[in-house]
Each structure stands twice: as C-alpha cells, then as structure tokens.
C-alpha cells in the first residue's frame, strides 16, 4: 500500500462567520432558558451550552485555550446578559476579560470545629448532591436563612474523613445555581475547588450585570 494512500486531512481555518453563527445560536437559546420552567429548563440550557462548546472546539486551536474554558467564558457572559456578538466573541477569546479567579484554598475541619465556627448561621440546607470530587462522594450544600434568602453559607462535606470545608461564607444563590447547572452539563464529579472557582466567576459576572443595570436606570432618570 502506498504511503500516500491515506494522506493526513488538512484542517481548514476557522471561519469567523461560522463562529458568529454559533454564538448567535447560543445567544438565542440562552434567551429561552427559564430557571423556573421545570419542563424545558434543562433541555434549553443544554442546547445553549452545546453551541458554546462547539465554539470552544472551533476556537481552541486558534486561541490556544482549553475548549471548556472558552465555552465557560461564553456561557458566563450570556448569564451576565451579554447579547452583542462582538462582545461574546471577545469573551470567547478572553479579550478584555479579567482573568478567572484563582482556585480557592480549601481548608477541611472536623464537625466540632465546623459547628463551633458556624453555629450562629441558621437556616435550611439546599443540597447540590453527594457526587463531587475524586471519589465522587463529597456533598455541596448552601445554607439559606429562608426560601427568599439570596445569599448563604456554601460548604462541602467529605464522608470519608467526616470533615467540612467552607467554600464561601456568603455565596450568591443565583451564582451557585448557575455553577451547578454548568457542572451538571460538563463535569458531574467536578472537584470542590473547581466548583468554588466557578461560583466565584458567576458571582463576579452577576455583580457586573447588576452594576450595568443600575447605570442604565440612573441614566434614564
């Protein structure tokens, strides 16, 4: 058989039009994502994230970034309310985008120390499953003071060592929900450190969106 019988396929350069089309599809799908829709929420979220990951796969060889990191920047921008294709493309390439917060150092403590430090924080725990980490058995919970609370104590529990770790003393419920949806779609056994970093990223994006909304309202007054 000739050595040239199966030549290596040539990789075509990424088309800006293809990227923009996928970004538009991701944006349009994101507009249909309703957190309080129990029927279509996960389908629509998955559709949006699939387009974002397609962009990540296209741009990874060009940008030199991990495709999952590119997709995360796009979905984070969409969650923050970004709708212009040029802005979404800039987010994908990380142009003018602040670097992701560093992964926080996780400190594990025993149940007595944890209770002693946080016994004053009352409320109901909102659990996000016991499947996280290398052993897929760590639990993540958000302790909220009532159903209407917007922030709470985000912590993890490791049953192997019966230890607890605080991921955030005052985590945004919206940011945690978005991080959970992102992790469910990409890595259901994500490490505790990566999940905490994802929450921090979404918190920063939501805070930025809130500030932009305030500026718009003030400008209209």
C-alpha atoms as a PDB file:
ATOM      1  CA  UNK A   1       0.000   0.000   0.000  1.00  0.00           C
ATOM      2  CA  UNK A   2       1.323   3.412  -0.912  1.00  0.00           C
ATOM      3  CA  UNK A   3       2.348   5.707   1.947  1.00  0.00           C
ATOM      4  CA  UNK A   4       0.170   8.382   0.372  1.00  0.00           C
ATOM      5  CA  UNK A   5      -2.919   6.188   0.210  1.00  0.00           C
ATOM      6  CA  UNK A   6      -4.361   7.847   3.301  1.00  0.00           C
ATOM      7  CA  UNK A   7      -2.985  11.403   3.428  1.00  0.00           C
ATOM      8  CA  UNK A   8      -3.436  13.394   6.603  1.00  0.00           C
ATOM      9  CA  UNK A   9      -6.563  15.550   6.235  1.00  0.00           C
ATOM     10  CA  UNK A  10      -5.933  19.279   6.090  1.00  0.00           C
ATOM     11  CA  UNK A  11      -7.579  21.310   8.843  1.00  0.00           C
ATOM     12  CA  UNK A  12      -9.432  24.235   7.387  1.00  0.00           C
ATOM     13  CA  UNK A  13      -9.034  27.575   9.178  1.00  0.00           C
ATOM     14  CA  UNK A  14     -11.889  28.601  11.416  1.00  0.00           C
ATOM     15  CA  UNK A  15     -14.398  30.882   9.704  1.00  0.00           C
ATOM     16  CA  UNK A  16     -15.442  33.994  11.613  1.00  0.00           C
ATOM     17  CA  UNK A  17     -18.878  33.606  10.064  1.00  0.00           C
ATOM     18  CA  UNK A  18     -19.209  30.075  11.471  1.00  0.00           C
ATOM     19  CA  UNK A  19     -18.151  31.254  14.923  1.00  0.00           C
ATOM     20  CA  UNK A  20     -20.545  34.196  14.834  1.00  0.00           C
ATOM     21  CA  UNK A  21     -23.386  31.952  13.721  1.00  0.00           C
ATOM     22  CA  UNK A  22     -22.788  29.550  16.602  1.00  0.00           C
ATOM     23  CA  UNK A  23     -22.515  32.461  19.034  1.00  0.00           C
ATOM     24  CA  UNK A  24     -25.841  33.792  17.737  1.00  0.00           C
ATOM     25  CA  UNK A  25     -27.427  30.371  18.219  1.00  0.00           C
ATOM     26  CA  UNK A  26     -26.048  30.193  21.761  1.00  0.00           C
ATOM     27  CA  UNK A  27     -27.382  33.684  22.492  1.00  0.00           C
ATOM     28  CA  UNK A  28     -30.817  32.899  21.086  1.00  0.00           C
ATOM     29  CA  UNK A  29     -31.009  29.638  23.019  1.00  0.00           C
ATOM     30  CA  UNK A  30     -29.927  31.440  26.187  1.00  0.00           C
ATOM     31  CA  UNK A  31     -32.854  33.831  25.870  1.00  0.00           C
ATOM     32  CA  UNK A  32     -35.214  30.865  26.156  1.00  0.00           C
ATOM     33  CA  UNK A  33     -33.638  29.484  29.321  1.00  0.00           C
ATOM     34  CA  UNK A  34     -36.058  29.974  32.186  1.00  0.00           C
ATOM     35  CA  UNK A  35     -34.846  28.771  35.591  1.00  0.00           C
ATOM     36  CA  UNK A  36     -38.402  28.351  36.859  1.00  0.00           C
ATOM     37  CA  UNK A  37     -39.534  26.216  33.904  1.00  0.00           C
ATOM     38  CA  UNK A  38     -39.394  22.636  35.261  1.00  0.00           C
ATOM     39  CA  UNK A  39     -40.126  21.083  31.863  1.00  0.00           C
ATOM     40  CA  UNK A  40     -37.804  22.705  29.336  1.00  0.00           C
ATOM     41  CA  UNK A  41     -35.111  24.295  31.521  1.00  0.00           C
ATOM     42  CA  UNK A  42     -32.503  21.543  31.247  1.00  0.00           C
ATOM     43  CA  UNK A  43     -33.187  20.963  27.547  1.00  0.00           C
ATOM     44  CA  UNK A  44     -32.792  24.629  26.682  1.00  0.00           C
ATOM     45  CA  UNK A  45     -29.743  25.029  28.918  1.00  0.00           C
ATOM     46  CA  UNK A  46     -28.123  22.015  27.279  1.00  0.00           C
ATOM     47  CA  UNK A  47     -28.877  23.421  23.845  1.00  0.00           C
ATOM     48  CA  UNK A  48     -27.258  26.744  24.731  1.00  0.00           C
ATOM     49  CA  UNK A  49     -24.210  25.072  26.252  1.00  0.00           C
ATOM     50  CA  UNK A  50     -23.837  22.763  23.236  1.00  0.00           C
ATOM     51  CA  UNK A  51     -23.472  25.765  20.934  1.00  0.00           C
ATOM     52  CA  UNK A  52     -20.974  27.349  23.331  1.00  0.00           C
ATOM     53  CA  UNK A  53     -18.924  24.146  23.406  1.00  0.00           C
ATOM     54  CA  UNK A  54     -18.994  23.990  19.616  1.00  0.00           C
ATOM     55  CA  UNK A  55     -17.427  27.460  19.568  1.00  0.00           C
ATOM     56  CA  UNK A  56     -14.876  26.264  22.100  1.00  0.00           C
ATOM     57  CA  UNK A  57     -13.882  23.346  19.889  1.00  0.00           C
ATOM     58  CA  UNK A  58     -13.560  25.639  16.872  1.00  0.00           C
ATOM     59  CA  UNK A  59     -11.510  28.310  18.589  1.00  0.00           C
ATOM     60  CA  UNK A  60      -9.276  26.105  20.762  1.00  0.00           C
ATOM     61  CA  UNK A  61      -6.596  25.552  18.068  1.00  0.00           C
ATOM     62  CA  UNK A  62      -6.639  29.250  17.155  1.00  0.00           C
ATOM     63  CA  UNK A  63      -6.819  30.805  20.619  1.00  0.00           C
ATOM     64  CA  UNK A  64      -4.596  28.213  22.246  1.00  0.00           C
ATOM     65  CA  UNK A  65      -7.078  27.847  25.106  1.00  0.00           C
ATOM     66  CA  UNK A  66      -8.885  24.839  26.535  1.00  0.00           C
ATOM     67  CA  UNK A  67     -12.264  24.445  24.738  1.00  0.00           C
ATOM     68  CA  UNK A  68     -14.080  24.095  28.061  1.00  0.00           C
ATOM     69  CA  UNK A  69     -12.561  27.377  29.268  1.00  0.00           C
ATOM     70  CA  UNK A  70     -13.736  29.106  26.082  1.00  0.00           C
ATOM     71  CA  UNK A  71     -17.248  27.680  26.476  1.00  0.00           C
ATOM     72  CA  UNK A  72     -17.324  28.748  30.129  1.00  0.00           C
ATOM     73  CA  UNK A  73     -16.409  32.324  29.213  1.00  0.00           C
ATOM     74  CA  UNK A  74     -19.222  32.400  26.655  1.00  0.00           C
ATOM     75  CA  UNK A  75     -21.890  30.984  28.986  1.00  0.00           C
ATOM     76  CA  UNK A  76     -20.755  33.254  31.815  1.00  0.00           C
ATOM     77  CA  UNK A  77     -21.083  36.275  29.505  1.00  0.00           C
ATOM     78  CA  UNK A  78     -24.539  35.114  28.429  1.00  0.00           C
ATOM     79  CA  UNK A  79     -25.625  34.675  32.042  1.00  0.00           C
ATOM     80  CA  UNK A  80     -24.439  38.220  32.686  1.00  0.00           C
ATOM     81  CA  UNK A  81     -26.759  39.496  29.959  1.00  0.00           C
ATOM     82  CA  UNK A  82     -24.288  39.960  27.103  1.00  0.00           C
ATOM     83  CA  UNK A  83     -26.077  39.830  23.756  1.00  0.00           C
ATOM     84  CA  UNK A  84     -23.830  41.527  21.192  1.00  0.00           C
ATOM     85  CA  UNK A  85     -21.943  39.028  19.023  1.00  0.00           C
ATOM     86  CA  UNK A  86     -18.787  41.142  19.118  1.00  0.00           C
ATOM     87  CA  UNK A  87     -18.848  41.102  22.925  1.00  0.00           C
ATOM     88  CA  UNK A  88     -19.453  37.349  23.008  1.00  0.00           C
ATOM     89  CA  UNK A  89     -16.564  36.810  20.583  1.00  0.00           C
ATOM     90  CA  UNK A  90     -14.329  38.962  22.789  1.00  0.00           C
ATOM     91  CA  UNK A  91     -15.357  36.880  25.796  1.00  0.00           C
ATOM     92  CA  UNK A  92     -14.578  33.679  23.894  1.00  0.00           C
ATOM     93  CA  UNK A  93     -11.067  34.917  23.087  1.00  0.00           C
ATOM     94  CA  UNK A  94     -10.744  36.431  26.598  1.00  0.00           C
ATOM     95  CA  UNK A  95     -10.150  39.873  25.078  1.00  0.00           C
ATOM     96  CA  UNK A  96     -10.747  42.498  27.709  1.00  0.00           C
ATOM     97  CA  UNK A  97     -11.957  39.856  30.130  1.00  0.00           C
ATOM     98  CA  UNK A  98     -10.466  39.680  33.579  1.00  0.00           C
ATOM     99  CA  UNK A  99      -8.647  36.500  34.431  1.00  0.00           C
ATOM    100  CA  UNK A 100     -10.666  33.844  36.201  1.00  0.00           C
ATOM    101  CA  UNK A 101     -10.417  33.987  39.976  1.00  0.00           C
ATOM    102  CA  UNK A 102      -7.762  31.617  41.309  1.00  0.00           C
ATOM    103  CA  UNK A 103      -8.952  28.354  42.780  1.00  0.00           C
ATOM    104  CA  UNK A 104      -9.509  28.970  46.475  1.00  0.00           C
ATOM    105  CA  UNK A 105      -7.505  27.035  49.030  1.00  0.00           C
ATOM    106  CA  UNK A 106      -9.907  24.617  50.706  1.00  0.00           C
ATOM    107  CA  UNK A 107      -9.412  24.054  54.431  1.00  0.00           C
ATOM    108  CA  UNK A 108     -11.095  20.986  55.904  1.00  0.00           C
ATOM    109  CA  UNK A 109     -12.136  20.835  59.566  1.00  0.00           C
ATOM    110  CA  UNK A 110     -13.866  18.333  61.811  1.00  0.00           C
ATOM    111  CA  UNK A 111     -17.574  18.530  62.673  1.00  0.00           C
ATOM    112  CA  UNK A 112     -16.994  20.097  66.102  1.00  0.00           C
ATOM    113  CA  UNK A 113     -14.819  22.887  64.716  1.00  0.00           C
ATOM    114  CA  UNK A 114     -17.252  23.497  61.852  1.00  0.00           C
ATOM    115  CA  UNK A 115     -20.260  23.687  64.190  1.00  0.00           C
ATOM    116  CA  UNK A 116     -18.356  25.958  66.568  1.00  0.00           C
ATOM    117  CA  UNK A 117     -17.470  28.407  63.782  1.00  0.00           C
ATOM    118  CA  UNK A 118     -20.852  28.443  62.043  1.00  0.00           C
ATOM    119  CA  UNK A 119     -23.453  27.521  64.644  1.00  0.00           C
ATOM    120  CA  UNK A 120     -24.758  31.099  64.506  1.00  0.00           C
ATOM    121  CA  UNK A 121     -25.729  30.665  60.828  1.00  0.00           C
ATOM    122  CA  UNK A 122     -29.253  29.300  60.917  1.00  0.00           C
ATOM    123  CA  UNK A 123     -31.331  28.124  58.010  1.00  0.00           C
ATOM    124  CA  UNK A 124     -32.193  25.235  55.736  1.00  0.00           C
ATOM    125  CA  UNK A 125     -29.545  23.486  53.674  1.00  0.00           C
ATOM    126  CA  UNK A 126     -30.083  23.408  49.922  1.00  0.00           C
ATOM    127  CA  UNK A 127     -28.136  20.338  48.759  1.00  0.00           C
ATOM    128  CA  UNK A 128     -26.468  20.002  45.368  1.00  0.00           C
ATOM    129  CA  UNK A 129     -25.781  16.306  45.520  1.00  0.00           C
ATOM    130  CA  UNK A 130     -23.221  13.969  47.069  1.00  0.00           C
ATOM    131  CA  UNK A 131     -21.143  13.159  43.985  1.00  0.00           C
ATOM    132  CA  UNK A 132     -18.340  15.703  43.863  1.00  0.00           C
ATOM    133  CA  UNK A 133     -14.582  15.254  43.998  1.00  0.00           C
ATOM    134  CA  UNK A 134     -12.163  12.491  43.064  1.00  0.00           C
ATOM    135  CA  UNK A 135     -14.158   9.836  44.950  1.00  0.00           C
ATOM    136  CA  UNK A 136     -17.486  11.199  43.661  1.00  0.00           C
ATOM    137  CA  UNK A 137     -18.879  11.230  47.193  1.00  0.00           C
ATOM    138  CA  UNK A 138     -18.450  14.780  48.536  1.00  0.00           C
ATOM    139  CA  UNK A 139     -21.578  16.811  49.169  1.00  0.00           C
ATOM    140  CA  UNK A 140     -22.083  20.508  48.435  1.00  0.00           C
ATOM    141  CA  UNK A 141     -24.725  22.480  50.335  1.00  0.00           C
ATOM    142  CA  UNK A 142     -25.909  26.070  50.560  1.00  0.00           C
ATOM    143  CA  UNK A 143     -27.368  27.087  53.915  1.00  0.00           C
ATOM    144  CA  UNK A 144     -30.055  29.715  53.397  1.00  0.00           C
ATOM    145  CA  UNK A 145     -31.978  31.630  56.032  1.00  0.00           C
ATOM    146  CA  UNK A 146     -35.406  31.088  54.488  1.00  0.00           C
ATOM    147  CA  UNK A 147     -36.711  30.481  50.957  1.00  0.00           C
ATOM    148  CA  UNK A 148     -36.293  34.120  49.934  1.00  0.00           C
ATOM    149  CA  UNK A 149     -32.658  34.462  51.023  1.00  0.00           C
ATOM    150  CA  UNK A 150     -30.322  35.428  48.170  1.00  0.00           C
ATOM    151  CA  UNK A 151     -27.011  34.536  49.885  1.00  0.00           C
ATOM    152  CA  UNK A 152     -25.876  31.831  52.253  1.00  0.00           C
ATOM    153  CA  UNK A 153     -23.063  29.654  53.581  1.00  0.00           C
ATOM    154  CA  UNK A 154     -21.698  27.417  50.826  1.00  0.00           C
ATOM    155  CA  UNK A 155     -19.867  24.404  52.227  1.00  0.00           C
ATOM    156  CA  UNK A 156     -18.776  20.868  51.383  1.00  0.00           C
ATOM    157  CA  UNK A 157     -18.827  17.633  53.371  1.00  0.00           C
ATOM    158  CA  UNK A 158     -16.445  14.705  52.897  1.00  0.00           C
ATOM    159  CA  UNK A 159     -17.895  11.476  54.344  1.00  0.00           C
ATOM    160  CA  UNK A 160     -14.610   9.591  54.022  1.00  0.00           C
ATOM    161  CA  UNK A 161     -12.904  11.766  56.621  1.00  0.00           C
ATOM    162  CA  UNK A 162     -16.090  13.238  58.132  1.00  0.00           C
ATOM    163  CA  UNK A 163     -14.812  16.757  57.507  1.00  0.00           C
ATOM    164  CA  UNK A 164     -16.331  20.037  56.349  1.00  0.00           C
ATOM    165  CA  UNK A 165     -14.965  22.874  54.220  1.00  0.00           C
ATOM    166  CA  UNK A 166     -16.363  26.377  53.693  1.00  0.00           C
ATOM    167  CA  UNK A 167     -16.385  27.294  50.009  1.00  0.00           C
ATOM    168  CA  UNK A 168     -17.878  30.752  50.562  1.00  0.00           C
ATOM    169  CA  UNK A 169     -19.220  32.414  53.725  1.00  0.00           C
ATOM    170  CA  UNK A 170     -21.808  34.351  51.711  1.00  0.00           C
ATOM    171  CA  UNK A 171     -22.390  32.785  48.306  1.00  0.00           C
ATOM    172  CA  UNK A 172     -24.983  34.107  45.882  1.00  0.00           C
ATOM    173  CA  UNK A 173     -27.779  31.587  45.441  1.00  0.00           C
ATOM    174  CA  UNK A 174     -28.092  32.576  41.762  1.00  0.00           C
ATOM    175  CA  UNK A 175     -24.362  32.053  41.201  1.00  0.00           C
ATOM    176  CA  UNK A 176     -24.423  28.642  42.900  1.00  0.00           C
ATOM    177  CA  UNK A 177     -27.410  27.561  40.816  1.00  0.00           C
ATOM    178  CA  UNK A 178     -25.641  28.611  37.624  1.00  0.00           C
ATOM    179  CA  UNK A 179     -22.429  26.879  38.675  1.00  0.00           C
ATOM    180  CA  UNK A 180     -24.407  23.724  39.444  1.00  0.00           C
ATOM    181  CA  UNK A 181     -26.112  23.825  36.034  1.00  0.00           C
ATOM    182  CA  UNK A 182     -22.720  24.345  34.365  1.00  0.00           C
ATOM    183  CA  UNK A 183     -21.122  21.477  36.291  1.00  0.00           C
ATOM    184  CA  UNK A 184     -24.061  19.186  35.564  1.00  0.00           C
ATOM    185  CA  UNK A 185     -23.573  19.820  31.871  1.00  0.00           C
ATOM    186  CA  UNK A 186     -19.784  19.479  31.835  1.00  0.00           C
ATOM    187  CA  UNK A 187     -18.441  17.526  34.826  1.00  0.00           C
ATOM    188  CA  UNK A 188     -20.801  15.954  37.359  1.00  0.00           C
ATOM    189  CA  UNK A 189     -17.834  14.912  39.528  1.00  0.00           C
ATOM    190  CA  UNK A 190     -16.109  18.298  39.484  1.00  0.00           C
ATOM    191  CA  UNK A 191     -13.614  18.966  42.263  1.00  0.00           C
ATOM    192  CA  UNK A 192     -14.696  21.106  45.193  1.00  0.00           C
ATOM    193  CA  UNK A 193     -12.027  23.684  44.324  1.00  0.00           C
ATOM    194  CA  UNK A 194     -13.207  23.984  40.714  1.00  0.00           C
ATOM    195  CA  UNK A 195     -16.828  24.328  41.803  1.00  0.00           C
ATOM    196  CA  UNK A 196     -15.918  27.107  44.229  1.00  0.00           C
ATOM    197  CA  UNK A 197     -13.986  28.873  41.465  1.00  0.00           C
ATOM    198  CA  UNK A 198     -16.979  28.535  39.140  1.00  0.00           C
ATOM    199  CA  UNK A 199     -19.254  30.083  41.774  1.00  0.00           C
ATOM    200  CA  UNK A 200     -16.810  32.976  42.154  1.00  0.00           C
ATOM    201  CA  UNK A 201     -16.784  33.516  38.368  1.00  0.00           C
ATOM    202  CA  UNK A 202     -20.571  33.590  38.149  1.00  0.00           C
ATOM    203  CA  UNK A 203     -20.803  35.872  41.186  1.00  0.00           C
ATOM    204  CA  UNK A 204     -18.451  38.356  39.531  1.00  0.00           C
ATOM    205  CA  UNK A 205     -20.444  38.219  36.279  1.00  0.00           C
ATOM    206  CA  UNK A 206     -23.763  38.731  38.081  1.00  0.00           C
ATOM    207  CA  UNK A 207     -22.369  41.631  40.114  1.00  0.00           C
ATOM    208  CA  UNK A 208     -21.127  43.254  36.919  1.00  0.00           C
ATOM    209  CA  UNK A 209     -24.533  42.817  35.289  1.00  0.00           C
ATOM    210  CA  UNK A 210     -26.260  44.355  38.326  1.00  0.00           C
ATOM    211  CA  UNK A 211     -23.963  47.392  38.189  1.00  0.00           C
ATOM    212  CA  UNK A 212     -24.667  47.839  34.482  1.00  0.00           C
ATOM    213  CA  UNK A 213     -28.407  47.697  35.176  1.00  0.00           C
ATOM    214  CA  UNK A 214     -28.099  50.361  37.860  1.00  0.00           C
ATOM    215  CA  UNK A 215     -26.148  52.608  35.484  1.00  0.00           C
ATOM    216  CA  UNK A 216     -28.818  52.209  32.807  1.00  0.00           C
ATOM    217  CA  UNK A 217     -31.611  53.045  35.262  1.00  0.00           C
ATOM    218  CA  UNK A 218     -29.701  56.051  36.580  1.00  0.00           C
ATOM    219  CA  UNK A 219     -29.111  57.289  33.047  1.00  0.00           C
ATOM    220  CA  UNK A 220     -32.846  57.107  32.343  1.00  0.00           C
ATOM    221  CA  UNK A 221     -33.800  59.125  35.416  1.00  0.00           C
END
